[in-house]
Amino acid sequence: MGWNGIGRAVVLAGTALVLAGCSGGGFGFGNFLSGGERSRQVVAEMEEQRRISEGTANDSTIWDLFSNAQPPSTTVEVNKYLWNASLEVLDFLPIQSVDPFSGVIVTGFGTPPGGGRAYRAAILVNDPALDARSLNVAIMTRGGPASRETIRAVEDAILTRARQLRIQDRNL
């Protein structure tokens, strides 16, 4: 086979690769460039294959939070006393978003009674236990994060009110 034969074979192989890449099927770069969804799927498959080959297929990473791998019926269990206490203690703040299934409360800016500074809060109740570890509070002012003392005072007020609600509920 002379130069013409080799050149013709290279051109035919290159043309076949280009056409396969443009077709959206087969192999080639067309699968990666044909849409964001396909790209994400390919990346997820590659990551899963890497985890299987490394023996870490059952380990979870931070990126698993965004993968929607949980069944739709799976919810976070929320402590009802912490939930209700959070709403009561921060009742001066306008509610922007509430999701009892994930345990998230997000408020807008509001001024506490007798106070001069506006605050906004995000609360996460992520466990069914009436425990300080089940409660995460983030408070912001218009100038940035609130002081640690302010956040601690709000957490303590929520925990105290939650205990009071539990005692009332059990008639103790």
N, C-alpha and C. Protein backbone atom coordinates (compact mmCIF):
# COMPACT_ATOMS: atom_id res chain seq x y z
N MET A 1 0.85 -1.16 0.00
CA MET A 1 0.00 0.00 0.00
C MET A 1 0.90 1.23 0.00
N GLY A 2 0.70 2.14 -0.89
CA GLY A 2 1.51 3.33 -1.00
C GLY A 2 0.98 4.46 -0.15
N TRP A 3 1.59 5.64 -0.32
CA TRP A 3 1.20 6.83 0.44
C TRP A 3 -0.25 7.18 0.18
N ASN A 4 -0.70 7.05 -1.05
CA ASN A 4 -2.09 7.36 -1.38
C ASN A 4 -3.05 6.46 -0.61
N GLY A 5 -2.71 5.19 -0.48
CA GLY A 5 -3.56 4.25 0.26
C GLY A 5 -3.62 4.59 1.74
N ILE A 6 -2.46 4.92 2.32
CA ILE A 6 -2.43 5.27 3.74
C ILE A 6 -3.13 6.60 3.97
N GLY A 7 -2.87 7.57 3.11
CA GLY A 7 -3.52 8.88 3.23
C GLY A 7 -5.02 8.76 3.11
N ARG A 8 -5.49 7.94 2.15
CA ARG A 8 -6.92 7.74 1.95
C ARG A 8 -7.53 7.07 3.19
N ALA A 9 -6.83 6.09 3.80
CA ALA A 9 -7.33 5.39 4.98
C ALA A 9 -7.42 6.36 6.17
N VAL A 10 -6.42 7.24 6.31
CA VAL A 10 -6.43 8.21 7.40
C VAL A 10 -7.58 9.19 7.22
N VAL A 11 -7.79 9.66 5.99
CA VAL A 11 -8.88 10.60 5.72
C VAL A 11 -10.23 9.94 5.99
N LEU A 12 -10.39 8.69 5.54
CA LEU A 12 -11.65 7.97 5.77
C LEU A 12 -11.89 7.75 7.26
N ALA A 13 -10.85 7.37 8.00
CA ALA A 13 -10.99 7.15 9.44
C ALA A 13 -11.32 8.47 10.15
N GLY A 14 -10.67 9.55 9.74
CA GLY A 14 -10.95 10.86 10.33
C GLY A 14 -12.37 11.31 10.05
N THR A 15 -12.82 11.10 8.81
CA THR A 15 -14.18 11.46 8.44
C THR A 15 -15.19 10.65 9.24
N ALA A 16 -14.92 9.37 9.43
CA ALA A 16 -15.82 8.51 10.21
C ALA A 16 -15.89 8.99 11.66
N LEU A 17 -14.74 9.38 12.22
CA LEU A 17 -14.74 9.89 13.60
C LEU A 17 -15.52 11.18 13.72
N VAL A 18 -15.34 12.09 12.76
CA VAL A 18 -16.06 13.36 12.79
C VAL A 18 -17.55 13.12 12.67
N LEU A 19 -17.95 12.27 11.74
CA LEU A 19 -19.38 11.98 11.57
C LEU A 19 -19.96 11.29 12.79
N ALA A 20 -19.21 10.38 13.40
CA ALA A 20 -19.68 9.70 14.61
C ALA A 20 -19.82 10.70 15.75
N GLY A 21 -18.91 11.64 15.84
CA GLY A 21 -18.97 12.65 16.88
C GLY A 21 -20.14 13.60 16.71
N CYS A 22 -20.54 13.88 15.48
CA CYS A 22 -21.65 14.79 15.22
C CYS A 22 -23.00 14.11 15.33
N SER A 23 -23.02 12.80 15.31
CA SER A 23 -24.30 12.10 15.22
C SER A 23 -25.06 12.05 16.53
N GLY A 24 -24.40 12.24 17.66
CA GLY A 24 -25.08 12.14 18.94
C GLY A 24 -25.17 10.70 19.41
N GLY A 25 -24.74 9.74 18.63
CA GLY A 25 -24.75 8.35 19.03
C GLY A 25 -23.36 7.79 18.84
N GLY A 26 -23.15 6.57 19.20
CA GLY A 26 -21.85 5.96 19.00
C GLY A 26 -20.85 6.50 19.99
N PHE A 27 -19.64 6.81 19.48
CA PHE A 27 -18.61 7.32 20.35
C PHE A 27 -18.15 8.66 19.83
N GLY A 28 -17.26 9.29 20.48
CA GLY A 28 -16.75 10.58 20.04
C GLY A 28 -17.16 11.69 20.98
N PHE A 29 -16.80 12.90 20.62
CA PHE A 29 -17.06 14.05 21.46
C PHE A 29 -18.50 14.50 21.40
N GLY A 30 -19.27 14.04 20.43
CA GLY A 30 -20.67 14.45 20.31
C GLY A 30 -21.48 14.11 21.54
N ASN A 31 -21.16 13.00 22.20
CA ASN A 31 -21.90 12.62 23.40
C ASN A 31 -21.66 13.61 24.53
N PHE A 32 -20.48 14.17 24.60
CA PHE A 32 -20.18 15.11 25.68
C PHE A 32 -20.72 16.50 25.37
N LEU A 33 -20.83 16.83 24.13
CA LEU A 33 -21.24 18.18 23.76
C LEU A 33 -22.70 18.28 23.37
N SER A 34 -23.43 17.16 23.39
CA SER A 34 -24.80 17.19 22.90
C SER A 34 -25.77 17.74 23.92
N GLY A 35 -25.34 18.08 25.10
CA GLY A 35 -26.24 18.68 26.08
C GLY A 35 -25.70 18.54 27.48
N GLY A 36 -26.13 19.45 28.33
CA GLY A 36 -25.66 19.45 29.70
C GLY A 36 -26.05 18.19 30.45
N GLU A 37 -27.24 17.69 30.19
CA GLU A 37 -27.70 16.50 30.90
C GLU A 37 -26.83 15.29 30.57
N ARG A 38 -26.52 15.11 29.31
CA ARG A 38 -25.68 13.98 28.91
C ARG A 38 -24.29 14.11 29.53
N SER A 39 -23.77 15.33 29.58
CA SER A 39 -22.45 15.54 30.17
C SER A 39 -22.46 15.19 31.64
N ARG A 40 -23.49 15.63 32.36
CA ARG A 40 -23.58 15.30 33.79
C ARG A 40 -23.71 13.80 33.99
N GLN A 41 -24.46 13.14 33.11
CA GLN A 41 -24.64 11.70 33.23
C GLN A 41 -23.31 10.98 33.01
N VAL A 42 -22.56 11.41 32.02
CA VAL A 42 -21.28 10.79 31.72
C VAL A 42 -20.31 11.01 32.88
N VAL A 43 -20.27 12.23 33.42
CA VAL A 43 -19.39 12.51 34.55
C VAL A 43 -19.77 11.66 35.75
N ALA A 44 -21.08 11.52 36.00
CA ALA A 44 -21.53 10.70 37.13
C ALA A 44 -21.15 9.24 36.92
N GLU A 45 -21.29 8.74 35.70
CA GLU A 45 -20.91 7.36 35.41
C GLU A 45 -19.41 7.15 35.57
N MET A 46 -18.61 8.13 35.12
CA MET A 46 -17.16 8.04 35.26
C MET A 46 -16.78 8.06 36.74
N GLU A 47 -17.43 8.92 37.52
CA GLU A 47 -17.14 9.00 38.95
C GLU A 47 -17.52 7.69 39.64
N GLU A 48 -18.66 7.10 39.28
CA GLU A 48 -19.08 5.83 39.87
C GLU A 48 -18.09 4.73 39.50
N GLN A 49 -17.62 4.69 38.26
CA GLN A 49 -16.64 3.69 37.86
C GLN A 49 -15.33 3.87 38.62
N ARG A 50 -14.92 5.10 38.84
CA ARG A 50 -13.70 5.37 39.60
C ARG A 50 -13.86 4.88 41.03
N ARG A 51 -15.02 5.17 41.64
CA ARG A 51 -15.26 4.75 43.02
C ARG A 51 -15.31 3.23 43.13
N ILE A 52 -15.88 2.55 42.14
CA ILE A 52 -15.92 1.09 42.15
C ILE A 52 -14.51 0.53 42.04
N SER A 53 -13.71 1.10 41.13
CA SER A 53 -12.35 0.59 40.94
C SER A 53 -11.47 0.84 42.16
N GLU A 54 -11.72 1.93 42.89
CA GLU A 54 -10.95 2.22 44.09
C GLU A 54 -11.50 1.50 45.32
N GLY A 55 -12.64 0.88 45.18
CA GLY A 55 -13.25 0.18 46.31
C GLY A 55 -13.96 1.11 47.27
N THR A 56 -14.29 2.32 46.82
CA THR A 56 -14.99 3.28 47.67
C THR A 56 -16.39 3.56 47.18
N ALA A 57 -17.02 2.58 46.53
CA ALA A 57 -18.33 2.81 45.93
C ALA A 57 -19.40 3.11 46.97
N ASN A 58 -19.24 2.62 48.18
CA ASN A 58 -20.25 2.87 49.19
C ASN A 58 -19.95 4.10 50.03
N ASP A 59 -18.78 4.72 49.85
CA ASP A 59 -18.45 5.94 50.57
C ASP A 59 -19.23 7.09 49.96
N SER A 60 -19.57 8.07 50.78
CA SER A 60 -20.28 9.22 50.25
C SER A 60 -19.36 10.43 50.28
N THR A 61 -19.66 11.38 49.43
CA THR A 61 -18.89 12.61 49.35
C THR A 61 -19.84 13.78 49.47
N ILE A 62 -19.29 14.97 49.52
CA ILE A 62 -20.12 16.18 49.60
C ILE A 62 -20.98 16.32 48.36
N TRP A 63 -20.52 15.81 47.23
CA TRP A 63 -21.26 15.95 45.98
C TRP A 63 -22.50 15.07 45.95
N ASP A 64 -22.56 14.06 46.84
CA ASP A 64 -23.74 13.21 46.91
C ASP A 64 -24.97 13.99 47.38
N LEU A 65 -24.76 15.12 48.07
CA LEU A 65 -25.89 15.93 48.51
C LEU A 65 -26.68 16.48 47.33
N PHE A 66 -26.01 16.66 46.19
CA PHE A 66 -26.65 17.26 45.04
C PHE A 66 -27.09 16.23 44.00
N SER A 67 -26.94 14.95 44.30
CA SER A 67 -27.19 13.93 43.30
C SER A 67 -28.62 13.41 43.27
N ASN A 68 -29.45 13.79 44.24
CA ASN A 68 -30.83 13.28 44.31
C ASN A 68 -30.85 11.77 44.39
N ALA A 69 -29.89 11.16 45.07
CA ALA A 69 -29.80 9.72 45.15
C ALA A 69 -30.80 9.13 46.13
N GLN A 70 -31.34 9.95 47.03
CA GLN A 70 -32.30 9.46 48.00
C GLN A 70 -33.65 9.22 47.33
N PRO A 71 -34.38 8.21 47.78
CA PRO A 71 -35.73 8.02 47.25
C PRO A 71 -36.60 9.22 47.64
N PRO A 72 -37.58 9.57 46.82
CA PRO A 72 -38.39 10.75 47.09
C PRO A 72 -39.16 10.67 48.40
N SER A 73 -39.38 9.46 48.90
CA SER A 73 -40.14 9.33 50.14
C SER A 73 -39.28 9.53 51.38
N THR A 74 -37.95 9.67 51.21
CA THR A 74 -37.05 9.86 52.34
C THR A 74 -37.11 11.31 52.79
N THR A 75 -37.35 11.52 54.07
CA THR A 75 -37.38 12.87 54.62
C THR A 75 -36.52 12.91 55.87
N VAL A 76 -36.15 14.11 56.28
CA VAL A 76 -35.41 14.31 57.51
C VAL A 76 -36.44 14.36 58.63
N GLU A 77 -36.17 13.67 59.72
CA GLU A 77 -37.07 13.74 60.86
C GLU A 77 -36.75 15.00 61.65
N VAL A 78 -37.78 15.75 62.00
CA VAL A 78 -37.63 17.03 62.65
C VAL A 78 -38.27 16.96 64.03
N ASN A 79 -37.58 17.48 65.04
CA ASN A 79 -38.15 17.54 66.37
C ASN A 79 -39.23 18.61 66.40
N LYS A 80 -40.46 18.23 66.73
CA LYS A 80 -41.58 19.18 66.67
C LYS A 80 -41.46 20.28 67.71
N TYR A 81 -40.84 20.00 68.85
CA TYR A 81 -40.69 21.02 69.88
C TYR A 81 -39.67 22.07 69.45
N LEU A 82 -38.56 21.64 68.87
CA LEU A 82 -37.57 22.60 68.36
C LEU A 82 -38.15 23.42 67.21
N TRP A 83 -38.92 22.75 66.36
CA TRP A 83 -39.54 23.43 65.22
C TRP A 83 -40.49 24.53 65.69
N ASN A 84 -41.40 24.17 66.58
CA ASN A 84 -42.38 25.14 67.06
C ASN A 84 -41.72 26.23 67.90
N ALA A 85 -40.73 25.87 68.71
CA ALA A 85 -40.02 26.86 69.52
C ALA A 85 -39.28 27.86 68.63
N SER A 86 -38.71 27.38 67.54
CA SER A 86 -38.01 28.28 66.61
C SER A 86 -38.97 29.30 66.02
N LEU A 87 -40.14 28.83 65.63
CA LEU A 87 -41.14 29.74 65.06
C LEU A 87 -41.64 30.74 66.10
N GLU A 88 -41.80 30.29 67.35
CA GLU A 88 -42.29 31.18 68.40
C GLU A 88 -41.25 32.21 68.80
N VAL A 89 -40.02 31.78 69.02
CA VAL A 89 -38.98 32.70 69.48
C VAL A 89 -38.68 33.76 68.42
N LEU A 90 -38.71 33.37 67.17
CA LEU A 90 -38.39 34.31 66.08
C LEU A 90 -39.64 34.82 65.37
N ASP A 91 -40.76 34.91 66.10
CA ASP A 91 -42.01 35.32 65.48
C ASP A 91 -42.02 36.77 65.02
N PHE A 92 -41.05 37.58 65.46
CA PHE A 92 -40.97 38.97 65.01
C PHE A 92 -40.32 39.08 63.63
N LEU A 93 -39.74 38.00 63.13
CA LEU A 93 -39.12 38.02 61.80
C LEU A 93 -40.12 37.50 60.76
N PRO A 94 -40.20 38.16 59.61
CA PRO A 94 -41.11 37.67 58.57
C PRO A 94 -40.58 36.38 57.95
N ILE A 95 -41.44 35.40 57.82
CA ILE A 95 -41.04 34.11 57.25
C ILE A 95 -40.93 34.24 55.74
N GLN A 96 -39.80 33.81 55.19
CA GLN A 96 -39.63 33.78 53.74
C GLN A 96 -39.87 32.39 53.19
N SER A 97 -39.38 31.38 53.91
CA SER A 97 -39.50 30.02 53.42
C SER A 97 -39.51 29.07 54.61
N VAL A 98 -40.40 28.09 54.54
CA VAL A 98 -40.51 27.08 55.58
C VAL A 98 -40.65 25.73 54.89
N ASP A 99 -39.83 24.78 55.31
CA ASP A 99 -39.93 23.42 54.77
C ASP A 99 -39.83 22.42 55.91
N PRO A 100 -40.98 21.99 56.43
CA PRO A 100 -40.96 21.06 57.57
C PRO A 100 -40.41 19.68 57.21
N PHE A 101 -40.36 19.35 55.93
CA PHE A 101 -39.85 18.04 55.53
C PHE A 101 -38.34 17.98 55.57
N SER A 102 -37.67 19.12 55.33
CA SER A 102 -36.21 19.15 55.43
C SER A 102 -35.75 19.85 56.70
N GLY A 103 -36.66 20.49 57.43
CA GLY A 103 -36.31 21.14 58.69
C GLY A 103 -35.70 22.51 58.55
N VAL A 104 -36.01 23.23 57.47
CA VAL A 104 -35.39 24.53 57.22
C VAL A 104 -36.42 25.65 57.36
N ILE A 105 -36.03 26.68 58.11
CA ILE A 105 -36.82 27.91 58.25
C ILE A 105 -35.91 29.06 57.83
N VAL A 106 -36.35 29.88 56.89
CA VAL A 106 -35.59 31.05 56.46
C VAL A 106 -36.48 32.28 56.65
N THR A 107 -35.94 33.30 57.30
CA THR A 107 -36.72 34.52 57.56
C THR A 107 -36.11 35.69 56.81
N GLY A 108 -36.90 36.75 56.72
CA GLY A 108 -36.42 38.01 56.19
C GLY A 108 -35.93 38.88 57.33
N PHE A 109 -35.54 40.10 57.01
CA PHE A 109 -35.07 41.03 58.04
C PHE A 109 -36.23 41.53 58.87
N GLY A 110 -36.00 41.61 60.17
CA GLY A 110 -36.97 42.13 61.12
C GLY A 110 -36.25 42.65 62.34
N THR A 111 -36.90 43.55 63.06
CA THR A 111 -36.31 44.13 64.25
C THR A 111 -36.99 43.55 65.48
N PRO A 112 -36.23 43.06 66.46
CA PRO A 112 -36.85 42.50 67.67
C PRO A 112 -37.54 43.61 68.48
N PRO A 113 -38.56 43.25 69.25
CA PRO A 113 -39.24 44.26 70.07
C PRO A 113 -38.24 44.93 71.02
N GLY A 114 -38.24 46.25 71.00
CA GLY A 114 -37.34 47.01 71.86
C GLY A 114 -35.92 47.10 71.32
N GLY A 115 -35.65 46.57 70.16
CA GLY A 115 -34.31 46.60 69.58
C GLY A 115 -34.23 47.58 68.44
N GLY A 116 -33.03 47.93 68.06
CA GLY A 116 -32.83 48.87 66.98
C GLY A 116 -32.16 48.27 65.75
N ARG A 117 -31.64 47.06 65.86
CA ARG A 117 -30.90 46.43 64.77
C ARG A 117 -31.77 45.37 64.11
N ALA A 118 -31.74 45.32 62.79
CA ALA A 118 -32.52 44.33 62.04
C ALA A 118 -31.71 43.05 61.87
N TYR A 119 -32.40 41.93 62.00
CA TYR A 119 -31.78 40.62 61.87
C TYR A 119 -32.56 39.78 60.88
N ARG A 120 -31.90 38.78 60.34
CA ARG A 120 -32.56 37.72 59.59
C ARG A 120 -31.94 36.41 60.03
N ALA A 121 -32.69 35.32 59.90
CA ALA A 121 -32.21 34.05 60.43
C ALA A 121 -32.48 32.91 59.47
N ALA A 122 -31.66 31.89 59.60
CA ALA A 122 -31.87 30.61 58.93
C ALA A 122 -31.70 29.55 60.01
N ILE A 123 -32.71 28.70 60.15
CA ILE A 123 -32.70 27.67 61.18
C ILE A 123 -32.81 26.32 60.50
N LEU A 124 -32.03 25.38 60.98
CA LEU A 124 -32.09 24.00 60.50
C LEU A 124 -32.30 23.09 61.70
N VAL A 125 -33.42 22.37 61.69
CA VAL A 125 -33.69 21.35 62.70
C VAL A 125 -33.52 20.03 61.97
N ASN A 126 -32.45 19.30 62.29
CA ASN A 126 -32.10 18.14 61.47
C ASN A 126 -32.09 16.81 62.19
N ASP A 127 -32.77 16.73 63.33
CA ASP A 127 -32.77 15.47 64.06
C ASP A 127 -34.03 15.42 64.92
N PRO A 128 -34.56 14.23 65.16
CA PRO A 128 -35.77 14.15 65.98
C PRO A 128 -35.50 14.31 67.48
N ALA A 129 -34.25 14.34 67.90
CA ALA A 129 -33.93 14.46 69.32
C ALA A 129 -34.08 15.90 69.78
N LEU A 130 -34.54 16.07 71.01
CA LEU A 130 -34.59 17.40 71.61
C LEU A 130 -33.22 17.64 72.22
N ASP A 131 -32.32 18.10 71.38
CA ASP A 131 -30.91 18.21 71.74
C ASP A 131 -30.32 19.42 71.03
N ALA A 132 -29.33 20.03 71.63
CA ALA A 132 -28.69 21.20 71.02
C ALA A 132 -28.05 20.87 69.68
N ARG A 133 -27.59 19.62 69.52
CA ARG A 133 -26.98 19.23 68.24
C ARG A 133 -27.99 19.14 67.11
N SER A 134 -29.28 19.08 67.45
CA SER A 134 -30.33 18.99 66.44
C SER A 134 -30.69 20.35 65.87
N LEU A 135 -30.16 21.41 66.44
CA LEU A 135 -30.52 22.77 66.08
C LEU A 135 -29.31 23.53 65.55
N ASN A 136 -29.44 24.10 64.36
CA ASN A 136 -28.41 24.96 63.78
C ASN A 136 -29.04 26.30 63.45
N VAL A 137 -28.47 27.37 64.01
CA VAL A 137 -29.01 28.71 63.82
C VAL A 137 -27.94 29.58 63.19
N ALA A 138 -28.32 30.31 62.14
CA ALA A 138 -27.44 31.32 61.53
C ALA A 138 -28.21 32.63 61.51
N ILE A 139 -27.60 33.67 62.05
CA ILE A 139 -28.25 34.97 62.13
C ILE A 139 -27.36 36.00 61.46
N MET A 140 -27.98 36.84 60.65
CA MET A 140 -27.28 37.90 59.92
C MET A 140 -27.87 39.25 60.28
N THR A 141 -27.02 40.27 60.26
CA THR A 141 -27.47 41.65 60.33
C THR A 141 -27.26 42.24 58.94
N ARG A 142 -27.70 43.45 58.76
CA ARG A 142 -27.49 44.08 57.44
C ARG A 142 -26.00 44.31 57.17
N GLY A 143 -25.20 44.33 58.22
CA GLY A 143 -23.76 44.55 58.08
C GLY A 143 -22.94 43.28 58.02
N GLY A 144 -23.56 42.11 58.18
CA GLY A 144 -22.82 40.86 58.16
C GLY A 144 -23.34 39.91 59.23
N PRO A 145 -22.54 38.91 59.56
CA PRO A 145 -22.99 37.93 60.56
C PRO A 145 -23.18 38.58 61.94
N ALA A 146 -24.17 38.08 62.67
CA ALA A 146 -24.40 38.55 64.03
C ALA A 146 -23.29 38.01 64.94
N SER A 147 -23.16 38.61 66.10
CA SER A 147 -22.12 38.17 67.03
C SER A 147 -22.44 36.76 67.54
N ARG A 148 -21.42 36.08 67.96
CA ARG A 148 -21.58 34.72 68.49
C ARG A 148 -22.48 34.72 69.72
N GLU A 149 -22.39 35.79 70.54
CA GLU A 149 -23.22 35.89 71.74
C GLU A 149 -24.70 35.99 71.39
N THR A 150 -25.01 36.74 70.33
CA THR A 150 -26.40 36.87 69.90
C THR A 150 -26.94 35.53 69.40
N ILE A 151 -26.14 34.84 68.62
CA ILE A 151 -26.56 33.53 68.10
C ILE A 151 -26.75 32.56 69.25
N ARG A 152 -25.84 32.56 70.20
CA ARG A 152 -25.94 31.67 71.37
C ARG A 152 -27.20 31.98 72.17
N ALA A 153 -27.52 33.27 72.35
CA ALA A 153 -28.71 33.66 73.11
C ALA A 153 -29.99 33.17 72.42
N VAL A 154 -30.04 33.27 71.10
CA VAL A 154 -31.21 32.79 70.35
C VAL A 154 -31.31 31.27 70.44
N GLU A 155 -30.19 30.58 70.29
CA GLU A 155 -30.20 29.11 70.44
C GLU A 155 -30.71 28.70 71.81
N ASP A 156 -30.21 29.38 72.86
CA ASP A 156 -30.64 29.06 74.22
C ASP A 156 -32.14 29.33 74.40
N ALA A 157 -32.63 30.43 73.83
CA ALA A 157 -34.05 30.75 73.94
C ALA A 157 -34.91 29.69 73.23
N ILE A 158 -34.46 29.23 72.07
CA ILE A 158 -35.20 28.19 71.34
C ILE A 158 -35.19 26.88 72.12
N LEU A 159 -34.04 26.49 72.65
CA LEU A 159 -33.95 25.24 73.41
C LEU A 159 -34.80 25.29 74.68
N THR A 160 -34.77 26.44 75.37
CA THR A 160 -35.58 26.59 76.58
C THR A 160 -37.06 26.50 76.25
N ARG A 161 -37.48 27.20 75.20
CA ARG A 161 -38.90 27.16 74.82
C ARG A 161 -39.29 25.76 74.36
N ALA A 162 -38.41 25.04 73.69
CA ALA A 162 -38.72 23.68 73.24
C ALA A 162 -38.93 22.77 74.45
N ARG A 163 -38.11 22.92 75.47
CA ARG A 163 -38.28 22.11 76.69
C ARG A 163 -39.60 22.45 77.38
N GLN A 164 -39.95 23.73 77.39
CA GLN A 164 -41.23 24.14 77.99
C GLN A 164 -42.40 23.53 77.22
N LEU A 165 -42.32 23.52 75.90
CA LEU A 165 -43.39 22.93 75.10
C LEU A 165 -43.51 21.43 75.36
N ARG A 166 -42.39 20.76 75.50
CA ARG A 166 -42.42 19.34 75.78
C ARG A 166 -43.04 19.05 77.14
N ILE A 167 -42.70 19.84 78.13
CA ILE A 167 -43.27 19.67 79.46
C ILE A 167 -44.78 19.91 79.41
N GLN A 168 -45.21 20.96 78.71
CA GLN A 168 -46.65 21.23 78.58
C GLN A 168 -47.36 20.07 77.87
N ASP A 169 -46.71 19.51 76.87
CA ASP A 169 -47.31 18.45 76.08
C ASP A 169 -47.47 17.18 76.92
N ARG A 170 -46.57 16.93 77.81
CA ARG A 170 -46.62 15.70 78.62
C ARG A 170 -47.25 15.93 79.99
N ASN A 171 -47.71 17.15 80.23
CA ASN A 171 -48.36 17.50 81.49
C ASN A 171 -47.50 17.13 82.71
N LEU A 172 -46.25 17.48 82.63
CA LEU A 172 -45.34 17.16 83.75
C LEU A 172 -45.29 18.28 84.75
